[in-house]
All heavy atoms as atom14 arrays in JSON, in Angstrom:
{
  "sequence": "DNPSAYIGSAVPGFPNFFTILGPNVGLGHGGSMIKA",
  "atom14_mask": [
    [1, 1, 1, 1, 1, 1, 1, 1, 0, 0, 0, 0, 0, 0],
    [1, 1, 1, 1, 1, 1, 1, 1, 0, 0, 0, 0, 0, 0],
    [1, 1, 1, 1, 1, 1, 1, 0, 0, 0, 0, 0, 0, 0],
    [1, 1, 1, 1, 1, 1, 0, 0, 0, 0, 0, 0, 0, 0],
    [1, 1, 1, 1, 1, 0, 0, 0, 0, 0, 0, 0, 0, 0],
    [1, 1, 1, 1, 1, 1, 1, 1, 1, 1, 1, 1, 0, 0],
    [1, 1, 1, 1, 1, 1, 1, 1, 0, 0, 0, 0, 0, 0],
    [1, 1, 1, 1, 0, 0, 0, 0, 0, 0, 0, 0, 0, 0],
    [1, 1, 1, 1, 1, 1, 0, 0, 0, 0, 0, 0, 0, 0],
    [1, 1, 1, 1, 1, 0, 0, 0, 0, 0, 0, 0, 0, 0],
    [1, 1, 1, 1, 1, 1, 1, 0, 0, 0, 0, 0, 0, 0],
    [1, 1, 1, 1, 1, 1, 1, 0, 0, 0, 0, 0, 0, 0],
    [1, 1, 1, 1, 0, 0, 0, 0, 0, 0, 0, 0, 0, 0],
    [1, 1, 1, 1, 1, 1, 1, 1, 1, 1, 1, 0, 0, 0],
    [1, 1, 1, 1, 1, 1, 1, 0, 0, 0, 0, 0, 0, 0],
    [1, 1, 1, 1, 1, 1, 1, 1, 0, 0, 0, 0, 0, 0],
    [1, 1, 1, 1, 1, 1, 1, 1, 1, 1, 1, 0, 0, 0],
    [1, 1, 1, 1, 1, 1, 1, 1, 1, 1, 1, 0, 0, 0],
    [1, 1, 1, 1, 1, 1, 1, 0, 0, 0, 0, 0, 0, 0],
    [1, 1, 1, 1, 1, 1, 1, 1, 0, 0, 0, 0, 0, 0],
    [1, 1, 1, 1, 1, 1, 1, 1, 0, 0, 0, 0, 0, 0],
    [1, 1, 1, 1, 0, 0, 0, 0, 0, 0, 0, 0, 0, 0],
    [1, 1, 1, 1, 1, 1, 1, 0, 0, 0, 0, 0, 0, 0],
    [1, 1, 1, 1, 1, 1, 1, 1, 0, 0, 0, 0, 0, 0],
    [1, 1, 1, 1, 1, 1, 1, 0, 0, 0, 0, 0, 0, 0],
    [1, 1, 1, 1, 0, 0, 0, 0, 0, 0, 0, 0, 0, 0],
    [1, 1, 1, 1, 1, 1, 1, 1, 0, 0, 0, 0, 0, 0],
    [1, 1, 1, 1, 0, 0, 0, 0, 0, 0, 0, 0, 0, 0],
    [1, 1, 1, 1, 1, 1, 1, 1, 1, 1, 0, 0, 0, 0],
    [1, 1, 1, 1, 0, 0, 0, 0, 0, 0, 0, 0, 0, 0],
    [1, 1, 1, 1, 0, 0, 0, 0, 0, 0, 0, 0, 0, 0],
    [1, 1, 1, 1, 1, 1, 0, 0, 0, 0, 0, 0, 0, 0],
    [1, 1, 1, 1, 1, 1, 1, 1, 0, 0, 0, 0, 0, 0],
    [1, 1, 1, 1, 1, 1, 1, 1, 0, 0, 0, 0, 0, 0],
    [1, 1, 1, 1, 1, 1, 1, 1, 1, 0, 0, 0, 0, 0],
    [1, 1, 1, 1, 1, 0, 0, 0, 0, 0, 0, 0, 0, 0]
  ],
  "atom14_positions": [
    [[-3.89, -0.17, 14.11], [-3.64, -1.37, 13.35], [-4.66, -1.67, 12.25], [-4.88, -2.78, 11.88], [-3.53, -2.62, 14.22], [-4.87, -3.02, 14.85], [-5.84, -2.21, 14.8], [-4.98, -4.15, 15.36], [0.0, 0.0, 0.0], [0.0, 0.0, 0.0], [0.0, 0.0, 0.0], [0.0, 0.0, 0.0], [0.0, 0.0, 0.0], [0.0, 0.0, 0.0]],
    [[-5.36, -0.62, 11.77], [-6.37, -0.8, 10.73], [-6.1, 0.09, 9.52], [-6.88, 0.87, 9.12], [-7.77, -0.44, 11.33], [-8.88, -0.95, 10.42], [-8.71, -1.93, 9.7], [-10.02, -0.26, 10.46], [0.0, 0.0, 0.0], [0.0, 0.0, 0.0], [0.0, 0.0, 0.0], [0.0, 0.0, 0.0], [0.0, 0.0, 0.0], [0.0, 0.0, 0.0]],
    [[-4.86, -0.08, 8.95], [-4.49, 0.82, 7.84], [-5.24, 0.47, 6.56], [-5.61, -0.7, 6.26], [-2.98, 0.47, 7.72], [-2.85, -0.9, 8.1], [-3.84, -1.06, 9.24], [0.0, 0.0, 0.0], [0.0, 0.0, 0.0], [0.0, 0.0, 0.0], [0.0, 0.0, 0.0], [0.0, 0.0, 0.0], [0.0, 0.0, 0.0], [0.0, 0.0, 0.0]],
    [[-5.44, 1.48, 5.75], [-5.99, 1.3, 4.4], [-5.57, 2.48, 3.55], [-5.23, 3.56, 4.07], [-7.54, 1.26, 4.42], [-8.06, 2.39, 5.08], [0.0, 0.0, 0.0], [0.0, 0.0, 0.0], [0.0, 0.0, 0.0], [0.0, 0.0, 0.0], [0.0, 0.0, 0.0], [0.0, 0.0, 0.0], [0.0, 0.0, 0.0], [0.0, 0.0, 0.0]],
    [[-5.48, 2.31, 2.29], [-4.99, 3.34, 1.36], [-5.57, 3.06, -0.01], [-5.97, 1.93, -0.37], [-3.49, 3.42, 1.33], [0.0, 0.0, 0.0], [0.0, 0.0, 0.0], [0.0, 0.0, 0.0], [0.0, 0.0, 0.0], [0.0, 0.0, 0.0], [0.0, 0.0, 0.0], [0.0, 0.0, 0.0], [0.0, 0.0, 0.0], [0.0, 0.0, 0.0]],
    [[-5.65, 4.09, -0.79], [-6.13, 3.94, -2.2], [-4.98, 3.3, -2.99], [-3.89, 3.89, -3.21], [-6.47, 5.29, -2.76], [-6.95, 5.26, -4.18], [-8.13, 4.61, -4.53], [-6.21, 5.86, -5.2], [-8.57, 4.56, -5.87], [-6.65, 5.84, -6.49], [-7.84, 5.17, -6.88], [-8.29, 5.15, -8.14], [0.0, 0.0, 0.0], [0.0, 0.0, 0.0]],
    [[-5.24, 2.09, -3.53], [-4.25, 1.31, -4.26], [-2.94, 1.26, -3.44], [-1.86, 1.33, -4.01], [-4.11, 1.77, -5.71], [-5.5, 1.96, -6.3], [-3.28, 0.8, -6.53], [-5.5, 2.28, -7.83], [0.0, 0.0, 0.0], [0.0, 0.0, 0.0], [0.0, 0.0, 0.0], [0.0, 0.0, 0.0], [0.0, 0.0, 0.0], [0.0, 0.0, 0.0]],
    [[-3.07, 1.15, -2.11], [-1.94, 1.03, -1.26], [-1.06, 2.26, -1.15], [0.04, 2.16, -0.54], [0.0, 0.0, 0.0], [0.0, 0.0, 0.0], [0.0, 0.0, 0.0], [0.0, 0.0, 0.0], [0.0, 0.0, 0.0], [0.0, 0.0, 0.0], [0.0, 0.0, 0.0], [0.0, 0.0, 0.0], [0.0, 0.0, 0.0], [0.0, 0.0, 0.0]],
    [[-1.53, 3.42, -1.72], [-0.57, 4.5, -1.88], [-1.01, 5.82, -1.26], [-0.04, 6.6, -0.9], [-0.39, 4.76, -3.43], [-0.09, 3.59, -4.06], [0.0, 0.0, 0.0], [0.0, 0.0, 0.0], [0.0, 0.0, 0.0], [0.0, 0.0, 0.0], [0.0, 0.0, 0.0], [0.0, 0.0, 0.0], [0.0, 0.0, 0.0], [0.0, 0.0, 0.0]],
    [[-2.28, 6.17, -1.15], [-2.66, 7.51, -0.79], [-3.82, 7.43, 0.18], [-4.67, 6.5, 0.16], [-3.07, 8.31, -2.03], [0.0, 0.0, 0.0], [0.0, 0.0, 0.0], [0.0, 0.0, 0.0], [0.0, 0.0, 0.0], [0.0, 0.0, 0.0], [0.0, 0.0, 0.0], [0.0, 0.0, 0.0], [0.0, 0.0, 0.0], [0.0, 0.0, 0.0]],
    [[-3.86, 8.39, 1.11], [-4.84, 8.51, 2.16], [-5.48, 9.94, 2.18], [-4.68, 10.91, 2.06], [-4.23, 8.22, 3.54], [-5.31, 8.26, 4.63], [-3.53, 6.88, 3.55], [0.0, 0.0, 0.0], [0.0, 0.0, 0.0], [0.0, 0.0, 0.0], [0.0, 0.0, 0.0], [0.0, 0.0, 0.0], [0.0, 0.0, 0.0], [0.0, 0.0, 0.0]],
    [[-6.76, 10.05, 2.21], [-7.41, 11.44, 2.23], [-6.89, 12.25, 3.42], [-6.74, 11.68, 4.54], [-8.89, 11.12, 2.36], [-9.1, 9.74, 1.91], [-7.82, 9.04, 2.24], [0.0, 0.0, 0.0], [0.0, 0.0, 0.0], [0.0, 0.0, 0.0], [0.0, 0.0, 0.0], [0.0, 0.0, 0.0], [0.0, 0.0, 0.0], [0.0, 0.0, 0.0]],
    [[-6.63, 13.48, 3.23], [-6.21, 14.33, 4.37], [-4.69, 14.42, 4.44], [-4.18, 15.1, 5.32], [0.0, 0.0, 0.0], [0.0, 0.0, 0.0], [0.0, 0.0, 0.0], [0.0, 0.0, 0.0], [0.0, 0.0, 0.0], [0.0, 0.0, 0.0], [0.0, 0.0, 0.0], [0.0, 0.0, 0.0], [0.0, 0.0, 0.0], [0.0, 0.0, 0.0]],
    [[-3.97, 13.71, 3.59], [-2.51, 13.67, 3.68], [-1.91, 14.01, 2.26], [-1.54, 13.16, 1.55], [-2.04, 12.34, 4.19], [-2.41, 12.05, 5.61], [-3.7, 11.57, 5.94], [-1.52, 12.35, 6.66], [-4.01, 11.37, 7.21], [-1.89, 12.1, 7.99], [-3.17, 11.68, 8.27], [0.0, 0.0, 0.0], [0.0, 0.0, 0.0], [0.0, 0.0, 0.0]],
    [[-1.99, 15.24, 1.92], [-1.55, 15.67, 0.57], [-0.12, 15.37, 0.27], [0.77, 15.44, 1.23], [-1.75, 17.16, 0.6], [-2.6, 17.53, 1.75], [-2.36, 16.43, 2.79], [0.0, 0.0, 0.0], [0.0, 0.0, 0.0], [0.0, 0.0, 0.0], [0.0, 0.0, 0.0], [0.0, 0.0, 0.0], [0.0, 0.0, 0.0], [0.0, 0.0, 0.0]],
    [[0.18, 14.97, -0.93], [1.54, 14.77, -1.39], [2.34, 13.74, -0.51], [3.58, 13.75, -0.44], [2.29, 16.06, -1.43], [1.75, 17.1, -2.4], [0.67, 16.91, -2.92], [2.5, 18.11, -2.66], [0.0, 0.0, 0.0], [0.0, 0.0, 0.0], [0.0, 0.0, 0.0], [0.0, 0.0, 0.0], [0.0, 0.0, 0.0], [0.0, 0.0, 0.0]],
    [[1.58, 12.83, 0.17], [2.16, 11.81, 0.97], [1.77, 10.44, 0.37], [0.64, 10.16, 0.07], [1.64, 11.88, 2.38], [2.05, 10.71, 3.21], [3.33, 10.59, 3.71], [1.15, 9.77, 3.56], [3.74, 9.45, 4.52], [1.46, 8.65, 4.37], [2.75, 8.53, 4.82], [0.0, 0.0, 0.0], [0.0, 0.0, 0.0], [0.0, 0.0, 0.0]],
    [[2.81, 9.59, 0.17], [2.54, 8.28, -0.46], [3.25, 7.2, 0.25], [4.43, 7.37, 0.7], [3.05, 8.35, -1.95], [2.42, 9.51, -2.7], [3.16, 10.69, -2.91], [1.15, 9.39, -3.21], [2.58, 11.73, -3.59], [0.58, 10.46, -3.92], [1.27, 11.62, -4.08], [0.0, 0.0, 0.0], [0.0, 0.0, 0.0], [0.0, 0.0, 0.0]],
    [[2.65, 6.02, 0.36], [3.26, 4.9, 0.99], [3.6, 3.84, -0.09], [2.76, 3.55, -0.91], [2.26, 4.25, 2.02], [1.04, 3.84, 1.32], [1.92, 5.18, 3.11], [0.0, 0.0, 0.0], [0.0, 0.0, 0.0], [0.0, 0.0, 0.0], [0.0, 0.0, 0.0], [0.0, 0.0, 0.0], [0.0, 0.0, 0.0], [0.0, 0.0, 0.0]],
    [[4.84, 3.42, -0.07], [5.27, 2.39, -0.93], [5.25, 1.07, -0.12], [5.73, 0.98, 1.01], [6.64, 2.64, -1.5], [6.74, 4.01, -2.12], [7.04, 1.54, -2.49], [8.09, 4.37, -2.59], [0.0, 0.0, 0.0], [0.0, 0.0, 0.0], [0.0, 0.0, 0.0], [0.0, 0.0, 0.0], [0.0, 0.0, 0.0], [0.0, 0.0, 0.0]],
    [[4.68, 0.01, -0.71], [4.4, -1.24, -0.06], [3.51, -0.92, 1.16], [3.73, -1.35, 2.29], [5.68, -1.96, 0.4], [5.5, -3.4, 0.82], [4.88, -4.22, -0.29], [6.83, -3.98, 1.19], [0.0, 0.0, 0.0], [0.0, 0.0, 0.0], [0.0, 0.0, 0.0], [0.0, 0.0, 0.0], [0.0, 0.0, 0.0], [0.0, 0.0, 0.0]],
    [[2.42, -0.21, 0.89], [1.49, 0.24, 1.9], [0.46, -0.82, 2.15], [0.61, -2.02, 1.75], [0.0, 0.0, 0.0], [0.0, 0.0, 0.0], [0.0, 0.0, 0.0], [0.0, 0.0, 0.0], [0.0, 0.0, 0.0], [0.0, 0.0, 0.0], [0.0, 0.0, 0.0], [0.0, 0.0, 0.0], [0.0, 0.0, 0.0], [0.0, 0.0, 0.0]],
    [[-0.68, -0.47, 2.76], [-1.71, -1.44, 3.03], [-2.23, -2.23, 1.78], [-2.42, -1.68, 0.71], [-2.86, -0.56, 3.57], [-2.22, 0.64, 4.11], [-1.08, 0.91, 3.16], [0.0, 0.0, 0.0], [0.0, 0.0, 0.0], [0.0, 0.0, 0.0], [0.0, 0.0, 0.0], [0.0, 0.0, 0.0], [0.0, 0.0, 0.0], [0.0, 0.0, 0.0]],
    [[-2.36, -3.55, 1.96], [-2.99, -4.38, 0.95], [-2.23, -4.36, -0.39], [-2.81, -4.45, -1.48], [-4.45, -4.08, 0.68], [-5.31, -4.25, 1.91], [-5.83, -3.28, 2.53], [-5.43, -5.47, 2.33], [0.0, 0.0, 0.0], [0.0, 0.0, 0.0], [0.0, 0.0, 0.0], [0.0, 0.0, 0.0], [0.0, 0.0, 0.0], [0.0, 0.0, 0.0]],
    [[-0.92, -4.34, -0.3], [-0.06, -4.4, -1.52], [0.77, -5.7, -1.48], [1.03, -6.22, -2.57], [0.87, -3.13, -1.62], [1.92, -3.32, -2.73], [0.12, -1.89, -1.82], [0.0, 0.0, 0.0], [0.0, 0.0, 0.0], [0.0, 0.0, 0.0], [0.0, 0.0, 0.0], [0.0, 0.0, 0.0], [0.0, 0.0, 0.0], [0.0, 0.0, 0.0]],
    [[1.13, -6.23, -0.31], [1.87, -7.46, -0.25], [1.15, -8.58, -0.91], [-0.1, -8.55, -1.15], [0.0, 0.0, 0.0], [0.0, 0.0, 0.0], [0.0, 0.0, 0.0], [0.0, 0.0, 0.0], [0.0, 0.0, 0.0], [0.0, 0.0, 0.0], [0.0, 0.0, 0.0], [0.0, 0.0, 0.0], [0.0, 0.0, 0.0], [0.0, 0.0, 0.0]],
    [[1.9, -9.68, -1.17], [1.35, -10.82, -1.85], [1.2, -12.0, -0.91], [2.2, -12.54, -0.38], [2.2, -11.22, -3.05], [2.47, -10.1, -4.11], [3.44, -10.54, -5.15], [1.16, -9.73, -4.75], [0.0, 0.0, 0.0], [0.0, 0.0, 0.0], [0.0, 0.0, 0.0], [0.0, 0.0, 0.0], [0.0, 0.0, 0.0], [0.0, 0.0, 0.0]],
    [[-0.02, -12.4, -0.64], [-0.24, -13.48, 0.28], [-0.15, -14.86, -0.47], [0.06, -15.88, 0.19], [0.0, 0.0, 0.0], [0.0, 0.0, 0.0], [0.0, 0.0, 0.0], [0.0, 0.0, 0.0], [0.0, 0.0, 0.0], [0.0, 0.0, 0.0], [0.0, 0.0, 0.0], [0.0, 0.0, 0.0], [0.0, 0.0, 0.0], [0.0, 0.0, 0.0]],
    [[-0.43, -14.86, -1.72], [-0.45, -16.12, -2.49], [0.93, -16.39, -3.17], [1.05, -17.16, -4.04], [-1.55, -16.18, -3.48], [-1.56, -15.08, -4.54], [-1.77, -13.81, -4.21], [-1.41, -15.19, -5.86], [-1.76, -13.06, -5.39], [-1.49, -13.89, -6.34], [0.0, 0.0, 0.0], [0.0, 0.0, 0.0], [0.0, 0.0, 0.0], [0.0, 0.0, 0.0]],
    [[1.97, -15.76, -2.63], [3.3, -16.03, -3.15], [3.76, -14.99, -4.18], [2.99, -14.07, -4.57], [0.0, 0.0, 0.0], [0.0, 0.0, 0.0], [0.0, 0.0, 0.0], [0.0, 0.0, 0.0], [0.0, 0.0, 0.0], [0.0, 0.0, 0.0], [0.0, 0.0, 0.0], [0.0, 0.0, 0.0], [0.0, 0.0, 0.0], [0.0, 0.0, 0.0]],
    [[4.91, -15.15, -4.66], [5.42, -14.27, -5.74], [6.33, -13.21, -5.25], [6.77, -13.21, -4.13], [0.0, 0.0, 0.0], [0.0, 0.0, 0.0], [0.0, 0.0, 0.0], [0.0, 0.0, 0.0], [0.0, 0.0, 0.0], [0.0, 0.0, 0.0], [0.0, 0.0, 0.0], [0.0, 0.0, 0.0], [0.0, 0.0, 0.0], [0.0, 0.0, 0.0]],
    [[6.6, -12.29, -6.17], [7.69, -11.33, -5.94], [7.15, -10.02, -5.4], [6.48, -9.3, -6.15], [8.46, -11.04, -7.25], [9.35, -10.0, -7.07], [0.0, 0.0, 0.0], [0.0, 0.0, 0.0], [0.0, 0.0, 0.0], [0.0, 0.0, 0.0], [0.0, 0.0, 0.0], [0.0, 0.0, 0.0], [0.0, 0.0, 0.0], [0.0, 0.0, 0.0]],
    [[7.51, -9.71, -4.18], [7.15, -8.42, -3.55], [7.74, -7.27, -4.38], [7.24, -6.18, -4.47], [7.62, -8.43, -2.12], [7.08, -7.29, -1.32], [5.4, -7.67, -0.78], [5.72, -8.79, 0.57], [0.0, 0.0, 0.0], [0.0, 0.0, 0.0], [0.0, 0.0, 0.0], [0.0, 0.0, 0.0], [0.0, 0.0, 0.0], [0.0, 0.0, 0.0]],
    [[8.91, -7.57, -5.0], [9.64, -6.49, -5.7], [8.84, -6.05, -6.88], [8.8, -4.83, -7.23], [11.03, -6.97, -6.05], [11.87, -7.16, -4.83], [11.69, -5.94, -7.0], [13.27, -7.61, -5.03], [0.0, 0.0, 0.0], [0.0, 0.0, 0.0], [0.0, 0.0, 0.0], [0.0, 0.0, 0.0], [0.0, 0.0, 0.0], [0.0, 0.0, 0.0]],
    [[8.18, -6.96, -7.6], [7.37, -6.51, -8.76], [6.21, -5.62, -8.29], [5.96, -4.62, -8.95], [6.89, -7.69, -9.53], [6.15, -7.27, -10.81], [5.9, -8.46, -11.74], [5.32, -7.96, -13.08], [5.17, -9.04, -14.02], [0.0, 0.0, 0.0], [0.0, 0.0, 0.0], [0.0, 0.0, 0.0], [0.0, 0.0, 0.0], [0.0, 0.0, 0.0]],
    [[5.61, -5.97, -7.16], [4.53, -5.21, -6.63], [5.05, -3.74, -6.26], [4.41, -2.78, -6.53], [3.9, -5.83, -5.44], [0.0, 0.0, 0.0], [0.0, 0.0, 0.0], [0.0, 0.0, 0.0], [0.0, 0.0, 0.0], [0.0, 0.0, 0.0], [0.0, 0.0, 0.0], [0.0, 0.0, 0.0], [0.0, 0.0, 0.0], [0.0, 0.0, 0.0]]
  ]
}
């Protein structure tokens, strides 16, 4: 339960693997998740 990623997208050791809406991408202060 301690995920982190570079700009929410990439993790060292996992080539060519990308997370969309990954760690620390969501919006806590409101707004459109879709734009993110």
